[in-house]
Amino acid sequence: MEKIKKTLRNLRKKRNYTQAQLAEKLAISARAYAKIEAGETNLTIGRLRTIAVILDVTLAELLGDLPDDNLVIAPADTISLLQHYEETITLLKQQNETLTSLLYKQAEMLKKI
């Protein structure tokens, strides 16, 4: 993890980004990004890919040529925050449709009374 911390910091500075600016581009808090750069957060491949795109480098350049034995990447079954929100929105839309349907049925029943 030490290698990726240094690489992230160096690439960020080379691109003239502050931690806060990069965090904004990642749609996370500055503190959350600081934890990434400090090696206190496990990164998903998706997050690494996003960082690489923002910094205009390949994943290989971001990770370095040699494997880092301490690099921990979140398990593949870990969903991204965006995916979580999308799934939540889908469920809320389904619930909204169900409730709307029930309300219409109840209104129709009341009309018959």
Protein backbone atom coordinates (compact mmCIF):
# COMPACT_ATOMS: atom_id res chain seq x y z
CA MET A 1 0.00 0.00 0.00
CA GLU A 2 2.98 2.27 0.59
CA LYS A 3 3.75 2.37 -3.13
CA ILE A 4 0.23 3.32 -4.20
CA LYS A 5 0.07 6.04 -1.51
CA LYS A 6 3.17 7.68 -2.91
CA THR A 7 2.01 7.23 -6.49
CA LEU A 8 -1.39 8.78 -5.75
CA ARG A 9 0.15 11.75 -3.99
CA ASN A 10 2.77 12.28 -6.72
CA LEU A 11 0.27 12.02 -9.58
CA ARG A 12 -2.20 14.31 -7.81
CA LYS A 13 0.47 16.95 -7.25
CA LYS A 14 1.81 16.54 -10.80
CA ARG A 15 -1.71 17.31 -12.08
CA ASN A 16 -1.91 20.31 -9.70
CA TYR A 17 -4.87 18.94 -7.76
CA THR A 18 -5.40 19.43 -4.06
CA GLN A 19 -6.85 16.54 -2.11
CA ALA A 20 -10.12 18.47 -1.91
CA GLN A 21 -10.25 19.00 -5.68
CA LEU A 22 -9.62 15.34 -6.41
CA ALA A 23 -12.18 14.35 -3.78
CA GLU A 24 -14.74 16.60 -5.49
CA LYS A 25 -14.05 14.92 -8.85
CA LEU A 26 -14.56 11.54 -7.14
CA ALA A 27 -17.77 12.81 -5.49
CA ILE A 28 -16.46 11.98 -2.02
CA SER A 29 -15.45 14.10 0.96
CA ALA A 30 -11.96 15.51 1.26
CA ARG A 31 -11.52 13.43 4.42
CA ALA A 32 -12.49 10.27 2.54
CA TYR A 33 -9.89 11.03 -0.12
CA ALA A 34 -7.28 11.81 2.51
CA LYS A 35 -7.90 8.34 3.95
CA ILE A 36 -7.37 6.83 0.49
CA GLU A 37 -4.07 8.63 0.08
CA ALA A 38 -3.05 7.68 3.63
CA GLY A 39 -3.76 4.01 2.89
CA GLU A 40 -6.54 3.80 5.48
CA THR A 41 -9.21 2.75 2.96
CA ASN A 42 -9.55 -0.35 0.83
CA LEU A 43 -10.14 0.53 -2.80
CA THR A 44 -12.38 -1.23 -5.29
CA ILE A 45 -11.21 -1.75 -8.84
CA GLY A 46 -13.94 0.67 -9.89
CA ARG A 47 -12.61 3.40 -7.61
CA LEU A 48 -9.04 2.78 -8.81
CA ARG A 49 -10.23 2.99 -12.41
CA THR A 50 -12.02 6.28 -11.72
CA ILE A 51 -8.94 7.74 -10.07
CA ALA A 52 -6.81 6.60 -13.01
CA VAL A 53 -9.18 8.29 -15.49
CA ILE A 54 -9.18 11.54 -13.50
CA LEU A 55 -5.39 11.53 -13.26
CA ASP A 56 -5.11 10.51 -16.94
CA VAL A 57 -3.04 7.38 -16.30
CA THR A 58 -3.55 3.67 -16.81
CA LEU A 59 -4.32 1.33 -13.94
CA ALA A 60 -0.87 -0.17 -14.43
CA GLU A 61 0.71 3.27 -13.99
CA LEU A 62 -1.41 3.92 -10.93
CA LEU A 63 -0.58 0.60 -9.31
CA GLY A 64 3.05 0.53 -10.43
CA ASP A 65 4.90 -2.23 -12.24
CA LEU A 66 5.58 -4.43 -9.24
CA PRO A 67 2.82 -5.88 -7.08
CA ASP A 68 2.50 -4.38 -3.63
CA ASP A 69 2.09 -7.21 -1.11
CA ASN A 70 0.16 -4.92 1.23
CA LEU A 71 -2.29 -3.67 -1.40
CA VAL A 72 -5.81 -4.60 -0.36
CA ILE A 73 -8.55 -4.32 -2.91
CA ALA A 74 -12.12 -4.72 -1.76
CA PRO A 75 -13.71 -8.06 -2.72
CA ALA A 76 -15.30 -8.27 -6.15
CA ASP A 77 -18.74 -8.69 -4.59
CA THR A 78 -18.46 -5.27 -2.94
CA ILE A 79 -20.83 -2.93 -4.73
CA SER A 80 -20.00 0.66 -5.45
CA LEU A 81 -21.86 3.47 -3.78
CA LEU A 82 -23.33 4.49 -7.13
CA GLN A 83 -24.60 0.97 -7.76
CA HIS A 84 -26.10 0.93 -4.26
CA TYR A 85 -27.93 4.20 -4.94
CA GLU A 86 -29.18 2.98 -8.31
CA GLU A 87 -30.56 -0.21 -6.73
CA THR A 88 -32.15 1.80 -3.92
CA ILE A 89 -33.82 4.15 -6.41
CA THR A 90 -35.16 1.19 -8.39
CA LEU A 91 -36.66 -0.32 -5.23
CA LEU A 92 -38.19 3.01 -4.22
CA LYS A 93 -39.77 3.41 -7.66
CA GLN A 94 -41.26 -0.08 -7.39
CA GLN A 95 -42.65 0.67 -3.94
CA ASN A 96 -44.06 3.97 -5.21
CA GLU A 97 -45.83 2.18 -8.07
CA THR A 98 -47.26 -0.40 -5.66
CA LEU A 99 -48.52 2.25 -3.26
CA THR A 100 -50.01 4.29 -6.08
CA SER A 101 -51.83 1.23 -7.39
CA LEU A 102 -53.19 0.45 -3.93
CA LEU A 103 -54.38 4.04 -3.50
CA TYR A 104 -56.21 3.95 -6.85
CA LYS A 105 -57.87 0.65 -5.90
CA GLN A 106 -58.95 2.08 -2.57
CA ALA A 107 -60.30 5.22 -4.26
CA GLU A 108 -62.30 3.06 -6.67
CA MET A 109 -63.72 1.06 -3.77
CA LEU A 110 -64.73 4.27 -1.98
CA LYS A 111 -66.49 5.53 -5.12
CA LYS A 112 -68.65 2.40 -5.09
CA ILE A 113 -69.79 3.04 -1.53
